[in-house]
């Protein structure tokens, strides 16, 4: 089993990504447990001293000024969870749910939420047992519905998946010898509140985007070599004229991938300049990396932040519940929108390179890379798929953060739409992975038609051989979608060949 991620200080996006996609276990440190216990003591003190506190002894949303008597506070917590379980549509994938749960535990471990340690440990227990709540993906302007469907499992309501089997939550808890919880004051609110939903999803998106960006450089280098590009455009001195460190990094990576290419040496000087889908790879991929770096910093800042409303502070003698707006994930929504636009552009450029590989008018390769030039269509329609996904990304890239809306009887009259923004981003990443998978297959197919001399660069040749170990030359003898699926898994499950960073 992989080494556990230990939650002591705030987690980072890489750790959330590892918990989500790589199934790494999570351990809560003694210091974090102590902070969680102390925050719960503050909630008890607030209740005992009858201090007005949102969601502790008042209703929520537009009912924030309605006092809830002590004997109703457990019911309030349960009712919050039940009434917020209004998600619709297909369920989130399991890694997304794991990411949300991990981000929620991280939020509670700051020590300003007020849940009992038992509740937080139960969430960690779901991760440890592979018990994944079924969380409908749609129907939320923020985060409440997704979090509520996770919280409902703790009280024995809803559905979960365990090893692929769909179970009633109560049955799953019984199998795991975990009795359903009775939620105490503020616990219902804390379980549905804050930005862990968008933060977890964004951490997962950033982790997947990092891998995708590394693959994009290598796949682009393979196409560049196949199309006999003019490598002078990637010269370090030339690229240094623009003050763009990420552009310089991409240029350095491209030079490393293409080092020693006899193909490029033979074609040097044959054209004045290449089309932009080849010549501008450092500029576009570098700009995308800039947006990636910003998004990654935003996620880490969010993970380092307390996002409950209210937060509990002070001492048991002088407790305080502060109502604020930390649960508004504006920075997450804006950065998800920006990264989505950037990755959509990166994928659109990949589609243009695919078109150049399959188009005999510009490729100098067999038409559509078909093995049988008469009866075969080769990659003709695979380029259609890439074009369709590029268009879909264009639609998905419309900003969610500007959607607005008014809810809860004018109490919540500004909505950041951070969770919808991150869900769109994950879709864009998935589409971009498919487009790059098609480009990778097309580039490998193009290499098959090249004469043995001049030789490929060592690194592009290594990647070509990795592809051919998994996927044979395409001869129109089976659905090409099967090969695209295998290439997608390669891009999802492995890292591109590393290159030292500048």
Protein backbone atom coordinates (compact mmCIF):
# COMPACT_ATOMS: atom_id res chain seq x y z
CA UNK A 1 0.00 0.00 0.00
CA UNK A 2 1.17 3.57 -0.71
CA UNK A 3 2.50 5.62 2.19
CA UNK A 4 -0.23 7.44 4.07
CA UNK A 5 -0.85 11.15 3.66
CA UNK A 6 -0.57 12.53 7.19
CA UNK A 7 -2.83 15.49 7.94
CA UNK A 8 -1.01 17.67 10.44
CA UNK A 9 -0.64 21.04 8.76
CA UNK A 10 -2.88 21.92 5.80
CA UNK A 11 -2.66 19.53 2.88
CA UNK A 12 -1.60 20.67 -0.60
CA UNK A 13 -3.22 19.99 -3.94
CA UNK A 14 -0.74 17.22 -4.76
CA UNK A 15 -1.73 15.36 -1.59
CA UNK A 16 -5.44 15.74 -2.36
CA UNK A 17 -4.77 14.48 -5.88
CA UNK A 18 -2.88 11.47 -4.50
CA UNK A 19 -5.71 10.68 -2.07
CA UNK A 20 -8.25 10.96 -4.89
CA UNK A 21 -6.66 9.37 -7.95
CA UNK A 22 -3.96 7.18 -6.37
CA UNK A 23 -6.00 5.89 -3.38
CA UNK A 24 -3.36 6.88 -0.84
CA UNK A 25 -4.63 6.46 2.75
CA UNK A 26 -5.17 9.44 5.05
CA UNK A 27 -4.07 9.71 8.67
CA UNK A 28 -5.10 12.51 11.04
CA UNK A 29 -2.23 13.57 13.32
CA UNK A 30 -2.55 13.98 17.07
CA UNK A 31 -2.15 17.76 16.70
CA UNK A 32 -4.99 17.93 14.17
CA UNK A 33 -7.20 15.80 16.42
CA UNK A 34 -6.52 18.17 19.27
CA UNK A 35 -7.56 21.17 17.17
CA UNK A 36 -10.79 19.42 16.17
CA UNK A 37 -11.58 18.58 19.82
CA UNK A 38 -10.90 22.15 20.93
CA UNK A 39 -13.26 23.58 18.30
CA UNK A 40 -16.02 21.22 19.45
CA UNK A 41 -15.53 22.43 23.02
CA UNK A 42 -16.10 25.98 21.77
CA UNK A 43 -19.41 24.95 20.19
CA UNK A 44 -20.48 23.36 23.47
CA UNK A 45 -19.54 26.55 25.30
CA UNK A 46 -21.45 28.72 22.82
CA UNK A 47 -24.54 26.54 23.27
CA UNK A 48 -24.21 26.48 27.05
CA UNK A 49 -23.85 30.27 27.24
CA UNK A 50 -26.74 30.71 24.81
CA UNK A 51 -24.73 32.97 22.51
CA UNK A 52 -26.43 33.50 19.18
CA UNK A 53 -24.54 31.55 16.53
CA UNK A 54 -25.66 30.84 12.99
CA UNK A 55 -26.55 27.18 12.50
CA UNK A 56 -25.89 26.36 16.16
CA UNK A 57 -28.98 27.87 17.71
CA UNK A 58 -30.51 29.63 14.68
CA UNK A 59 -31.95 28.50 11.39
CA UNK A 60 -29.90 28.77 8.20
CA UNK A 61 -30.09 30.86 5.07
CA UNK A 62 -32.99 33.29 5.21
CA UNK A 63 -33.96 31.72 8.59
CA UNK A 64 -30.75 32.98 10.21
CA UNK A 65 -32.68 35.14 12.71
CA UNK A 66 -34.99 32.32 13.81
CA UNK A 67 -33.93 30.94 17.19
CA UNK A 68 -33.76 27.15 17.57
CA UNK A 69 -34.31 25.84 21.10
CA UNK A 70 -31.80 23.38 22.65
CA UNK A 71 -34.08 20.37 22.30
CA UNK A 72 -34.37 21.03 18.53
CA UNK A 73 -30.66 21.41 17.70
CA UNK A 74 -30.03 17.80 16.84
CA UNK A 75 -33.09 17.88 14.64
CA UNK A 76 -31.80 21.07 13.01
CA UNK A 77 -28.52 19.35 12.07
CA UNK A 78 -30.30 16.33 10.62
CA UNK A 79 -32.84 18.47 8.80
CA UNK A 80 -30.09 20.57 7.20
CA UNK A 81 -28.54 17.43 5.72
CA UNK A 82 -31.84 15.95 4.58
CA UNK A 83 -33.19 19.13 3.01
CA UNK A 84 -29.93 19.83 1.20
CA UNK A 85 -29.83 16.39 -0.48
CA UNK A 86 -31.33 17.67 -3.73
CA UNK A 87 -28.63 16.74 -6.24
CA UNK A 88 -29.68 15.36 -9.61
CA UNK A 89 -28.07 13.71 -12.58
CA UNK A 90 -25.33 11.09 -12.83
CA UNK A 91 -23.07 10.56 -9.81
CA UNK A 92 -19.61 12.04 -9.53
CA UNK A 93 -16.74 9.67 -10.25
CA UNK A 94 -15.22 8.05 -7.16
CA UNK A 95 -11.94 10.07 -7.26
CA UNK A 96 -13.94 13.31 -7.20
CA UNK A 97 -15.86 12.20 -4.11
CA UNK A 98 -12.63 11.13 -2.40
CA UNK A 99 -11.12 14.53 -3.18
CA UNK A 100 -14.10 16.35 -1.66
CA UNK A 101 -14.01 14.23 1.51
CA UNK A 102 -10.26 14.76 1.91
CA UNK A 103 -10.64 18.52 1.47
CA UNK A 104 -13.47 18.56 4.02
CA UNK A 105 -11.38 16.72 6.60
CA UNK A 106 -8.56 19.17 5.90
CA UNK A 107 -10.96 22.07 6.55
CA UNK A 108 -12.20 20.65 9.86
CA UNK A 109 -8.61 20.00 10.99
CA UNK A 110 -7.92 23.74 11.09
CA UNK A 111 -9.87 23.73 14.34
CA UNK A 112 -12.53 26.35 13.69
CA UNK A 113 -15.50 24.23 12.61
CA UNK A 114 -16.77 22.56 15.75
CA UNK A 115 -17.66 19.01 14.74
CA UNK A 116 -16.87 16.16 17.08
CA UNK A 117 -13.72 14.24 16.29
CA UNK A 118 -15.93 11.15 15.86
CA UNK A 119 -17.63 12.75 12.85
CA UNK A 120 -14.32 13.63 11.17
CA UNK A 121 -12.94 10.17 11.87
CA UNK A 122 -16.04 8.64 10.32
CA UNK A 123 -15.38 10.60 7.10
CA UNK A 124 -11.80 9.32 7.12
CA UNK A 125 -13.20 5.83 7.70
CA UNK A 126 -15.22 6.05 4.49
CA UNK A 127 -12.00 6.72 2.59
CA UNK A 128 -10.13 3.95 4.37
CA UNK A 129 -12.85 1.38 3.65
CA UNK A 130 -13.37 2.42 0.03
CA UNK A 131 -16.94 3.33 0.90
CA UNK A 132 -17.76 6.04 -1.63
CA UNK A 133 -20.98 8.04 -1.20
CA UNK A 134 -23.12 8.38 -4.30
CA UNK A 135 -23.12 12.11 -5.02
CA UNK A 136 -25.24 13.46 -7.90
CA UNK A 137 -23.11 15.80 -9.99
CA UNK A 138 -25.71 18.41 -10.85
CA UNK A 139 -28.10 20.74 -9.09
CA UNK A 140 -25.82 22.96 -7.04
CA UNK A 141 -24.96 26.63 -7.46
CA UNK A 142 -22.23 26.26 -4.87
CA UNK A 143 -21.39 23.24 -2.77
CA UNK A 144 -24.31 22.41 -0.48
CA UNK A 145 -25.96 19.53 -2.33
CA UNK A 146 -22.75 17.60 -2.99
CA UNK A 147 -21.68 17.90 0.63
CA UNK A 148 -25.14 16.93 1.89
CA UNK A 149 -25.17 13.68 -0.07
CA UNK A 150 -21.82 12.79 1.52
CA UNK A 151 -23.05 13.79 4.99
CA UNK A 152 -26.24 11.76 4.64
CA UNK A 153 -24.22 8.56 4.49
CA UNK A 154 -22.88 9.25 7.98
CA UNK A 155 -26.41 9.08 9.35
CA UNK A 156 -27.31 5.99 7.34
CA UNK A 157 -29.20 7.62 4.47
CA UNK A 158 -28.45 7.51 0.74
CA UNK A 159 -26.29 5.14 -1.28
CA UNK A 160 -22.63 4.21 -1.48
CA UNK A 161 -20.42 2.12 -3.72
CA UNK A 162 -18.05 -0.41 -2.20
CA UNK A 163 -15.84 -2.37 -4.60
CA UNK A 164 -18.23 -1.50 -7.41
CA UNK A 165 -21.34 -2.68 -5.53
CA UNK A 166 -24.12 -0.16 -4.94
CA UNK A 167 -25.47 -0.40 -1.39
CA UNK A 168 -27.91 1.42 0.85
CA UNK A 169 -25.86 3.57 3.21
CA UNK A 170 -27.34 1.85 6.26
CA UNK A 171 -26.35 -1.58 4.95
CA UNK A 172 -22.83 -0.41 4.11
CA UNK A 173 -22.37 1.03 7.61
CA UNK A 174 -23.67 -2.18 9.16
CA UNK A 175 -21.22 -4.28 7.13
CA UNK A 176 -18.41 -2.03 8.32
CA UNK A 177 -19.64 -2.22 11.95
CA UNK A 178 -20.15 1.55 11.96
CA UNK A 179 -23.38 2.67 13.61
CA UNK A 180 -25.10 5.69 12.03
CA UNK A 181 -24.24 8.97 13.74
CA UNK A 182 -26.63 11.32 15.48
CA UNK A 183 -25.52 14.81 14.55
CA UNK A 184 -25.09 17.40 17.29
CA UNK A 185 -25.37 21.20 17.19
CA UNK A 186 -23.64 22.82 14.19
CA UNK A 187 -22.53 19.48 12.75
CA UNK A 188 -25.18 19.41 10.03
CA UNK A 189 -24.21 22.90 8.93
CA UNK A 190 -20.46 22.23 9.01
CA UNK A 191 -20.90 19.05 6.99
CA UNK A 192 -22.59 20.89 4.12
CA UNK A 193 -20.81 24.23 4.44
CA UNK A 194 -17.52 25.74 3.27
CA UNK A 195 -15.54 25.31 0.06
CA UNK A 196 -14.21 21.72 0.44
CA UNK A 197 -16.40 20.58 -2.47
CA UNK A 198 -14.94 23.04 -4.99
CA UNK A 199 -11.49 22.86 -3.37
CA UNK A 200 -11.31 19.08 -3.60
CA UNK A 201 -12.54 19.06 -7.17
CA UNK A 202 -10.11 21.81 -8.11
CA UNK A 203 -7.20 19.97 -6.49
CA UNK A 204 -8.08 16.90 -8.53
CA UNK A 205 -8.32 19.02 -11.68
CA UNK A 206 -4.95 20.65 -11.05
CA UNK A 207 -3.30 17.28 -10.43
CA UNK A 208 -4.70 15.95 -13.71
CA UNK A 209 -3.84 19.14 -15.57
CA UNK A 210 -0.20 18.94 -14.51
CA UNK A 211 0.11 15.47 -16.01
CA UNK A 212 -1.71 16.57 -19.14
CA UNK A 213 0.60 19.55 -19.66
CA UNK A 214 3.69 17.35 -19.55
CA UNK A 215 2.14 14.98 -22.08
CA UNK A 216 1.10 17.87 -24.31
CA UNK A 217 4.73 18.98 -24.74
CA UNK A 218 5.91 15.49 -25.68
CA UNK A 219 3.02 14.72 -28.04
CA UNK A 220 3.47 18.09 -29.74
CA UNK A 221 7.17 17.36 -30.18
CA UNK A 222 6.33 14.09 -31.96
CA UNK A 223 3.99 15.85 -34.37
CA UNK A 224 6.52 18.64 -34.91
CA UNK A 225 9.14 16.06 -35.90
CA UNK A 226 6.76 14.20 -38.21
CA UNK A 227 5.89 17.44 -40.01
CA UNK A 228 9.56 18.41 -40.40
CA UNK A 229 9.26 21.59 -38.33
CA UNK A 230 11.86 24.32 -38.20
CA UNK A 231 13.46 23.83 -34.77
CA UNK A 232 15.12 27.24 -34.86
CA UNK A 233 11.87 28.70 -33.50
CA UNK A 234 12.62 26.92 -30.20
CA UNK A 235 16.12 28.37 -29.86
CA UNK A 236 16.76 29.42 -26.24
CA UNK A 237 18.14 32.83 -27.20
CA UNK A 238 15.14 33.55 -29.41
CA UNK A 239 12.62 32.51 -26.77
CA UNK A 240 14.47 34.55 -24.13
CA UNK A 241 13.47 37.75 -25.93
CA UNK A 242 10.02 37.35 -24.39
CA UNK A 243 9.91 37.70 -20.60
CA UNK A 244 7.95 34.50 -20.05
CA UNK A 245 9.57 31.84 -17.83
CA UNK A 246 6.89 29.23 -18.58
CA UNK A 247 7.42 29.72 -22.32
CA UNK A 248 11.15 29.23 -21.78
CA UNK A 249 10.43 26.03 -19.85
CA UNK A 250 8.34 24.60 -22.67
CA UNK A 251 11.04 25.54 -25.16
CA UNK A 252 13.63 23.78 -23.04
CA UNK A 253 11.44 20.69 -22.86
CA UNK A 254 10.87 20.67 -26.62
CA UNK A 255 14.60 21.00 -27.30
CA UNK A 256 15.26 18.07 -24.95
CA UNK A 257 12.58 15.90 -26.57
CA UNK A 258 13.87 16.68 -30.08
CA UNK A 259 17.60 16.60 -29.33
CA UNK A 260 19.53 14.61 -31.91
CA UNK A 261 16.69 14.37 -34.40
CA UNK A 262 18.09 13.50 -37.80
CA UNK A 263 14.68 14.27 -39.29
CA UNK A 264 14.78 17.87 -38.10
CA UNK A 265 18.44 18.27 -39.03
CA UNK A 266 17.63 17.19 -42.58
CA UNK A 267 14.69 19.58 -42.85
CA UNK A 268 16.40 22.61 -41.28
CA UNK A 269 16.07 25.67 -43.51
CA UNK A 270 13.58 24.03 -45.89
CA UNK A 271 10.89 26.59 -44.91
CA UNK A 272 11.05 30.18 -43.72
CA UNK A 273 8.63 29.47 -40.90
CA UNK A 274 6.06 26.88 -39.79
CA UNK A 275 2.33 27.38 -39.24
CA UNK A 276 1.44 28.62 -35.79
CA UNK A 277 0.16 25.28 -34.48
CA UNK A 278 3.80 24.16 -34.73
CA UNK A 279 5.80 27.35 -34.33
CA UNK A 280 3.85 28.71 -31.35
CA UNK A 281 3.89 25.62 -29.11
CA UNK A 282 6.15 27.30 -26.49
CA UNK A 283 4.05 30.46 -26.47
CA UNK A 284 0.69 28.69 -26.09
CA UNK A 285 1.76 25.83 -23.83
CA UNK A 286 3.74 28.32 -21.75
CA UNK A 287 0.73 30.60 -21.34
CA UNK A 288 -1.36 27.60 -20.24
CA UNK A 289 1.30 26.71 -17.67
CA UNK A 290 1.04 30.25 -16.28
CA UNK A 291 -2.68 29.76 -15.69
CA UNK A 292 -1.95 26.36 -14.21
CA UNK A 293 0.54 27.83 -11.72
CA UNK A 294 -2.01 30.45 -10.66
CA UNK A 295 -4.74 27.82 -10.20
CA UNK A 296 -2.41 25.58 -8.18
CA UNK A 297 -1.53 28.49 -5.87
CA UNK A 298 -5.23 29.31 -5.39
CA UNK A 299 -6.01 25.71 -4.40
CA UNK A 300 -3.17 25.59 -1.88
CA UNK A 301 -4.31 28.91 -0.43
CA UNK A 302 -7.85 27.57 -0.12
CA UNK A 303 -6.63 24.40 1.59
CA UNK A 304 -4.69 26.58 4.02
CA UNK A 305 -7.84 28.58 4.79
CA UNK A 306 -10.81 28.09 7.09
CA UNK A 307 -13.98 28.21 5.00
CA UNK A 308 -16.76 27.42 7.49
CA UNK A 309 -19.52 29.87 8.28
CA UNK A 310 -19.61 30.58 11.11
CA UNK A 311 -16.12 29.97 12.45
CA UNK A 312 -15.66 29.31 16.15
CA UNK A 313 -12.89 31.16 17.96
CA UNK A 314 -11.75 32.31 21.37
CA UNK A 315 -11.69 30.24 24.55
CA UNK A 316 -14.17 28.08 26.42
CA UNK A 317 -14.55 30.95 28.86
CA UNK A 318 -15.09 33.49 26.11
CA UNK A 319 -16.19 31.65 22.97
CA UNK A 320 -17.07 33.42 19.77
CA UNK A 321 -18.94 32.42 16.64
CA UNK A 322 -18.12 34.76 13.76
CA UNK A 323 -20.40 34.95 10.74
CA UNK A 324 -18.45 35.79 7.59
CA UNK A 325 -18.37 34.78 3.94
CA UNK A 326 -15.36 32.47 3.76
CA UNK A 327 -17.56 29.82 2.11
CA UNK A 328 -17.80 31.98 -1.02
CA UNK A 329 -15.30 30.37 -3.39
CA UNK A 330 -14.86 33.27 -5.80
CA UNK A 331 -11.13 32.71 -6.24
CA UNK A 332 -11.73 29.03 -6.98
CA UNK A 333 -14.45 29.78 -9.53
CA UNK A 334 -12.42 32.43 -11.32
CA UNK A 335 -9.25 30.33 -11.46
CA UNK A 336 -11.20 27.25 -12.64
CA UNK A 337 -12.74 29.30 -15.42
CA UNK A 338 -9.35 30.69 -16.43
CA UNK A 339 -7.62 27.31 -16.41
CA UNK A 340 -10.51 25.80 -18.36
CA UNK A 341 -10.15 28.43 -21.09
CA UNK A 342 -6.39 27.85 -21.19
CA UNK A 343 -6.66 24.06 -21.49
CA UNK A 344 -9.37 24.41 -24.12
CA UNK A 345 -6.92 26.48 -26.18
CA UNK A 346 -4.16 23.92 -25.69
CA UNK A 347 -6.49 21.16 -26.90
CA UNK A 348 -7.66 23.27 -29.85
CA UNK A 349 -4.04 23.66 -30.95
CA UNK A 350 -3.59 19.90 -30.69
CA UNK A 351 -6.60 19.39 -32.96
CA UNK A 352 -5.03 21.70 -35.55
CA UNK A 353 -1.86 19.60 -35.47
CA UNK A 354 -3.93 16.43 -35.91
CA UNK A 355 -5.49 17.97 -39.01
CA UNK A 356 -2.05 18.73 -40.42
CA UNK A 357 -0.95 15.13 -39.83
CA UNK A 358 -3.93 13.63 -41.67
CA UNK A 359 -4.24 16.23 -44.43
CA UNK A 360 -2.16 15.13 -47.46
CA UNK A 361 -2.15 18.69 -48.79
CA UNK A 362 0.27 19.73 -46.04
CA UNK A 363 1.62 16.57 -44.38
CA UNK A 364 3.53 14.90 -47.24
CA UNK A 365 2.22 11.70 -45.67
CA UNK A 366 -0.34 9.16 -46.97
CA UNK A 367 -3.82 10.65 -46.97
CA UNK A 368 -5.40 10.39 -43.52
CA UNK A 369 -2.52 8.13 -42.46
CA UNK A 370 -4.45 5.19 -43.93
CA UNK A 371 -2.60 1.89 -44.26
CA UNK A 372 -4.65 1.07 -47.38
CA UNK A 373 -4.78 4.26 -49.40
CA UNK A 374 -7.71 3.08 -51.45
CA UNK A 375 -10.11 1.25 -49.16
CA UNK A 376 -8.95 2.67 -45.82
CA UNK A 377 -10.05 5.87 -44.08
CA UNK A 378 -7.32 5.73 -41.46
CA UNK A 379 -7.51 8.70 -39.10
CA UNK A 380 -9.94 10.74 -41.21
CA UNK A 381 -12.84 10.47 -38.76
CA UNK A 382 -10.65 10.53 -35.64
CA UNK A 383 -9.89 14.12 -36.61
CA UNK A 384 -13.66 14.71 -36.67
CA UNK A 385 -13.81 13.47 -33.08
CA UNK A 386 -11.04 15.86 -32.09
CA UNK A 387 -12.85 18.72 -33.82
CA UNK A 388 -16.11 17.85 -32.04
CA UNK A 389 -14.43 17.76 -28.63
CA UNK A 390 -12.67 21.04 -29.38
CA UNK A 391 -16.04 22.61 -30.09
CA UNK A 392 -17.47 21.10 -26.90
CA UNK A 393 -14.57 22.57 -24.92
CA UNK A 394 -15.32 25.96 -26.43
CA UNK A 395 -18.85 25.74 -25.03
CA UNK A 396 -17.65 24.45 -21.67
CA UNK A 397 -15.11 27.27 -21.40
CA UNK A 398 -17.85 29.88 -21.02
CA UNK A 399 -17.31 31.28 -17.49
CA UNK A 400 -19.45 29.86 -14.70
CA UNK A 401 -18.32 32.54 -12.26
CA UNK A 402 -20.47 35.14 -14.06
CA UNK A 403 -23.68 33.12 -13.88
CA UNK A 404 -25.02 34.92 -10.81
CA UNK A 405 -28.42 34.07 -9.39
CA UNK A 406 -30.34 34.72 -6.18
CA UNK A 407 -31.23 32.08 -3.57
CA UNK A 408 -32.55 31.74 -0.03
CA UNK A 409 -35.01 34.60 -0.03
CA UNK A 410 -32.41 37.27 -0.99
CA UNK A 411 -30.07 36.16 1.83
CA UNK A 412 -27.68 34.63 -0.70
CA UNK A 413 -27.87 37.20 -3.46
CA UNK A 414 -24.42 36.62 -4.96
CA UNK A 415 -23.26 33.19 -6.16
CA UNK A 416 -19.69 32.38 -7.18
CA UNK A 417 -20.53 29.02 -8.85
CA UNK A 418 -17.14 27.58 -7.88
CA UNK A 419 -18.26 23.96 -7.92
CA UNK A 420 -19.90 24.16 -11.38
CA UNK A 421 -16.73 25.88 -12.62
CA UNK A 422 -14.53 23.04 -11.34
CA UNK A 423 -16.85 20.39 -12.78
CA UNK A 424 -16.64 22.10 -16.19
CA UNK A 425 -12.87 22.19 -15.86
CA UNK A 426 -12.72 18.44 -15.21
CA UNK A 427 -14.78 17.87 -18.38
CA UNK A 428 -12.43 20.08 -20.39
CA UNK A 429 -9.44 18.14 -19.06
CA UNK A 430 -11.09 14.86 -20.01
CA UNK A 431 -11.80 16.10 -23.53
CA UNK A 432 -8.29 17.49 -23.86
CA UNK A 433 -6.86 14.12 -22.84
CA UNK A 434 -8.84 12.44 -25.63
CA UNK A 435 -7.68 14.99 -28.19
CA UNK A 436 -4.05 14.52 -27.16
CA UNK A 437 -4.53 10.75 -27.26
CA UNK A 438 -5.68 11.05 -30.88
CA UNK A 439 -2.69 13.23 -31.70
CA UNK A 440 -0.37 10.71 -30.05
CA UNK A 441 -1.82 7.87 -32.12
CA UNK A 442 -1.67 9.92 -35.31
CA UNK A 443 1.95 10.86 -34.64
CA UNK A 444 2.87 7.20 -34.05
CA UNK A 445 1.06 6.24 -37.27
CA UNK A 446 2.94 8.94 -39.15
CA UNK A 447 6.27 7.59 -37.89
CA UNK A 448 5.32 4.19 -39.34
CA UNK A 449 5.37 5.70 -42.84
CA UNK A 450 8.77 7.39 -42.41
CA UNK A 451 11.90 5.86 -43.94
CA UNK A 452 14.45 4.46 -41.45
CA UNK A 453 16.81 7.33 -42.21
CA UNK A 454 17.14 10.05 -41.08
CA UNK A 455 16.48 8.91 -37.51
CA UNK A 456 14.04 10.18 -34.94
CA UNK A 457 15.22 11.91 -31.78
CA UNK A 458 16.02 9.48 -28.99
CA UNK A 459 13.17 10.64 -26.76
CA UNK A 460 10.48 10.74 -29.44
CA UNK A 461 11.66 7.31 -30.60
CA UNK A 462 11.34 6.02 -27.03
CA UNK A 463 7.79 7.33 -26.82
CA UNK A 464 6.91 5.86 -30.21
CA UNK A 465 8.09 2.46 -28.99
CA UNK A 466 6.06 2.79 -25.78
CA UNK A 467 2.97 3.39 -27.87
CA UNK A 468 3.67 0.49 -30.20
CA UNK A 469 4.08 -1.91 -27.27
CA UNK A 470 0.47 -1.15 -26.35
CA UNK A 471 -1.18 -0.28 -29.66
CA UNK A 472 -0.42 -1.64 -33.12
CA UNK A 473 -0.29 0.26 -36.40
CA UNK A 474 -3.88 0.97 -37.43
CA UNK A 475 -5.16 -0.87 -40.53
CA UNK A 476 -8.91 -0.13 -40.47
CA UNK A 477 -9.39 -3.67 -39.10
CA UNK A 478 -11.13 -2.78 -35.80
CA UNK A 479 -12.86 0.25 -34.25
CA UNK A 480 -10.29 3.01 -33.88
CA UNK A 481 -12.13 4.06 -30.70
CA UNK A 482 -10.54 1.05 -28.97
CA UNK A 483 -7.06 2.42 -29.69
CA UNK A 484 -8.08 5.90 -28.60
CA UNK A 485 -9.25 4.45 -25.29
CA UNK A 486 -5.91 2.72 -24.74
CA UNK A 487 -4.02 5.90 -25.56
CA UNK A 488 -6.24 7.84 -23.13
CA UNK A 489 -5.35 5.41 -20.36
CA UNK A 490 -1.67 5.82 -21.16
CA UNK A 491 -1.96 9.58 -20.82
CA UNK A 492 -4.02 9.25 -17.65
CA UNK A 493 -2.08 6.55 -15.85
CA UNK A 494 1.56 7.32 -16.58
CA UNK A 495 3.77 10.36 -16.60
CA UNK A 496 5.37 11.63 -19.78
CA UNK A 497 9.12 11.07 -19.99
CA UNK A 498 10.59 13.56 -17.51
CA UNK A 499 12.80 16.43 -18.54
CA UNK A 500 14.80 18.45 -16.06
CA UNK A 501 13.11 21.76 -15.41
CA UNK A 502 14.99 24.96 -16.21
